[in-house]
C-alpha atoms as a PDB file:
ATOM      1  CA  UNK A   1      63.874 -45.342-181.192  1.00  0.00           C
ATOM      2  CA  UNK A   2      63.329 -45.348-184.983  1.00  0.00           C
ATOM      3  CA  UNK A   3      65.688 -47.472-187.019  1.00  0.00           C
ATOM      4  CA  UNK A   4      64.792 -46.056-190.455  1.00  0.00           C
ATOM      5  CA  UNK A   5      65.299 -42.306-189.820  1.00  0.00           C
ATOM      6  CA  UNK A   6      68.465 -42.146-191.899  1.00  0.00           C
ATOM      7  CA  UNK A   7      66.854 -43.856-194.904  1.00  0.00           C
ATOM      8  CA  UNK A   8      64.380 -41.054-195.581  1.00  0.00           C
ATOM      9  CA  UNK A   9      67.259 -38.605-195.979  1.00  0.00           C
ATOM     10  CA  UNK A  10      68.977 -40.714-198.636  1.00  0.00           C
ATOM     11  CA  UNK A  11      66.263 -40.495-201.277  1.00  0.00           C
ATOM     12  CA  UNK A  12      67.732 -39.122-204.508  1.00  0.00           C
ATOM     13  CA  UNK A  13      65.875 -36.334-206.248  1.00  0.00           C
ATOM     14  CA  UNK A  14      64.365 -37.909-209.408  1.00  0.00           C
ATOM     15  CA  UNK A  15      64.802 -34.641-211.324  1.00  0.00           C
ATOM     16  CA  UNK A  16      68.578 -34.919-211.080  1.00  0.00           C
ATOM     17  CA  UNK A  17      68.867 -38.660-211.708  1.00  0.00           C
ATOM     18  CA  UNK A  18      66.656 -39.024-214.758  1.00  0.00           C
ATOM     19  CA  UNK A  19      68.635 -40.129-217.771  1.00  0.00           C
ATOM     20  CA  UNK A  20      67.408 -40.656-221.277  1.00  0.00           C
ATOM     21  CA  UNK A  21      67.475 -44.278-222.396  1.00  0.00           C
ATOM     22  CA  UNK A  22      70.229 -44.617-225.029  1.00  0.00           C
ATOM     23  CA  UNK A  23      69.023 -44.787-228.621  1.00  0.00           C
ATOM     24  CA  UNK A  24      70.753 -45.896-231.789  1.00  0.00           C
ATOM     25  CA  UNK A  25      70.431 -45.622-235.548  1.00  0.00           C
ATOM     26  CA  UNK A  26      70.598 -48.630-237.855  1.00  0.00           C
ATOM     27  CA  UNK A  27      72.208 -47.778-241.185  1.00  0.00           C
ATOM     28  CA  UNK A  28      72.388 -50.109-244.191  1.00  0.00           C
ATOM     29  CA  UNK A  29      75.245 -49.454-246.614  1.00  0.00           C
ATOM     30  CA  UNK A  30      75.305 -49.980-250.363  1.00  0.00           C
ATOM     31  CA  UNK A  31      77.318 -52.878-251.751  1.00  0.00           C
ATOM     32  CA  UNK A  32      77.752 -54.672-255.057  1.00  0.00           C
ATOM     33  CA  UNK A  33      76.285 -58.041-254.131  1.00  0.00           C
ATOM     34  CA  UNK A  34      72.933 -57.605-252.329  1.00  0.00           C
ATOM     35  CA  UNK A  35      69.935 -57.127-254.612  1.00  0.00           C
ATOM     36  CA  UNK A  36      67.127 -54.630-254.016  1.00  0.00           C
ATOM     37  CA  UNK A  37      64.821 -57.561-253.406  1.00  0.00           C
ATOM     38  CA  UNK A  38      67.100 -59.118-250.783  1.00  0.00           C
ATOM     39  CA  UNK A  39      67.531 -55.818-248.909  1.00  0.00           C
ATOM     40  CA  UNK A  40      63.783 -55.094-249.004  1.00  0.00           C
ATOM     41  CA  UNK A  41      62.898 -58.638-247.872  1.00  0.00           C
ATOM     42  CA  UNK A  42      65.378 -58.466-244.987  1.00  0.00           C
ATOM     43  CA  UNK A  43      64.036 -55.127-243.802  1.00  0.00           C
ATOM     44  CA  UNK A  44      60.385 -56.159-243.928  1.00  0.00           C
ATOM     45  CA  UNK A  45      61.072 -59.432-242.121  1.00  0.00           C
ATOM     46  CA  UNK A  46      63.341 -58.045-239.377  1.00  0.00           C
ATOM     47  CA  UNK A  47      62.380 -54.433-238.643  1.00  0.00           C
ATOM     48  CA  UNK A  48      58.935 -54.258-237.010  1.00  0.00           C
ATOM     49  CA  UNK A  49      56.422 -51.955-238.609  1.00  0.00           C
ATOM     50  CA  UNK A  50      58.148 -51.548-241.971  1.00  0.00           C
ATOM     51  CA  UNK A  51      55.745 -52.104-244.822  1.00  0.00           C
ATOM     52  CA  UNK A  52      56.769 -53.782-248.042  1.00  0.00           C
ATOM     53  CA  UNK A  53      56.514 -50.436-249.848  1.00  0.00           C
ATOM     54  CA  UNK A  54      58.721 -48.690-247.258  1.00  0.00           C
ATOM     55  CA  UNK A  55      61.286 -51.493-247.402  1.00  0.00           C
ATOM     56  CA  UNK A  56      61.587 -51.064-251.191  1.00  0.00           C
ATOM     57  CA  UNK A  57      61.909 -47.280-250.838  1.00  0.00           C
ATOM     58  CA  UNK A  58      64.719 -47.798-248.316  1.00  0.00           C
ATOM     59  CA  UNK A  59      66.438 -50.330-250.597  1.00  0.00           C
ATOM     60  CA  UNK A  60      66.395 -47.773-253.438  1.00  0.00           C
ATOM     61  CA  UNK A  61      67.700 -45.079-251.062  1.00  0.00           C
ATOM     62  CA  UNK A  62      70.612 -47.339-250.098  1.00  0.00           C
ATOM     63  CA  UNK A  63      71.472 -47.719-253.793  1.00  0.00           C
ATOM     64  CA  UNK A  64      70.969 -44.062-254.687  1.00  0.00           C
ATOM     65  CA  UNK A  65      72.600 -42.411-251.644  1.00  0.00           C
ATOM     66  CA  UNK A  66      75.049 -45.127-250.624  1.00  0.00           C
ATOM     67  CA  UNK A  67      73.306 -45.645-247.289  1.00  0.00           C
ATOM     68  CA  UNK A  68      69.954 -45.324-245.520  1.00  0.00           C
ATOM     69  CA  UNK A  69      68.826 -45.106-241.926  1.00  0.00           C
ATOM     70  CA  UNK A  70      66.348 -47.954-241.682  1.00  0.00           C
ATOM     71  CA  UNK A  71      65.449 -47.746-237.983  1.00  0.00           C
ATOM     72  CA  UNK A  72      65.993 -45.597-234.904  1.00  0.00           C
ATOM     73  CA  UNK A  73      65.084 -46.529-231.370  1.00  0.00           C
ATOM     74  CA  UNK A  74      66.211 -48.079-228.080  1.00  0.00           C
ATOM     75  CA  UNK A  75      69.804 -49.269-228.187  1.00  0.00           C
ATOM     76  CA  UNK A  76      69.113 -52.841-227.070  1.00  0.00           C
ATOM     77  CA  UNK A  77      66.528 -53.371-229.804  1.00  0.00           C
ATOM     78  CA  UNK A  78      68.864 -51.767-232.319  1.00  0.00           C
ATOM     79  CA  UNK A  79      71.581 -54.262-231.391  1.00  0.00           C
ATOM     80  CA  UNK A  80      69.210 -57.158-232.072  1.00  0.00           C
ATOM     81  CA  UNK A  81      67.960 -55.849-235.433  1.00  0.00           C
ATOM     82  CA  UNK A  82      71.496 -54.879-236.495  1.00  0.00           C
ATOM     83  CA  UNK A  83      72.807 -58.357-235.699  1.00  0.00           C
ATOM     84  CA  UNK A  84      69.945 -60.017-237.588  1.00  0.00           C
ATOM     85  CA  UNK A  85      70.573 -57.861-240.667  1.00  0.00           C
ATOM     86  CA  UNK A  86      74.290 -58.709-240.546  1.00  0.00           C
ATOM     87  CA  UNK A  87      73.423 -62.435-240.363  1.00  0.00           C
ATOM     88  CA  UNK A  88      71.269 -61.983-243.501  1.00  0.00           C
ATOM     89  CA  UNK A  89      74.353 -60.638-245.292  1.00  0.00           C
ATOM     90  CA  UNK A  90      73.558 -56.919-245.482  1.00  0.00           C
ATOM     91  CA  UNK A  91      76.432 -54.469-245.342  1.00  0.00           C
ATOM     92  CA  UNK A  92      75.919 -52.448-242.192  1.00  0.00           C
ATOM     93  CA  UNK A  93      77.441 -49.355-240.652  1.00  0.00           C
ATOM     94  CA  UNK A  94      78.404 -49.736-236.994  1.00  0.00           C
ATOM     95  CA  UNK A  95      75.547 -48.931-234.622  1.00  0.00           C
ATOM     96  CA  UNK A  96      75.413 -45.200-234.077  1.00  0.00           C
ATOM     97  CA  UNK A  97      74.223 -43.911-230.703  1.00  0.00           C
ATOM     98  CA  UNK A  98      72.040 -40.834-230.865  1.00  0.00           C
END
């Protein structure tokens, strides 16, 4: 007698169970109290892979457009970066799932 016969029939088809890992966008909003330098320094120190030049371009975009998407990626990482930017005093939009 085989004990595990029923287990082989309960395998779920991976094609039907595959779900995309949730992603999010981090958006910095313009305000009247954070300087370009502060925004750029926060971005370069918190968001991995952002160069100093890119951080300044994003800081100017925040000022010019009123907001800028500064990072997009896995939701859990986005939560961490978002929280760190809030702690630094940046004005942030709520995390936006994509």
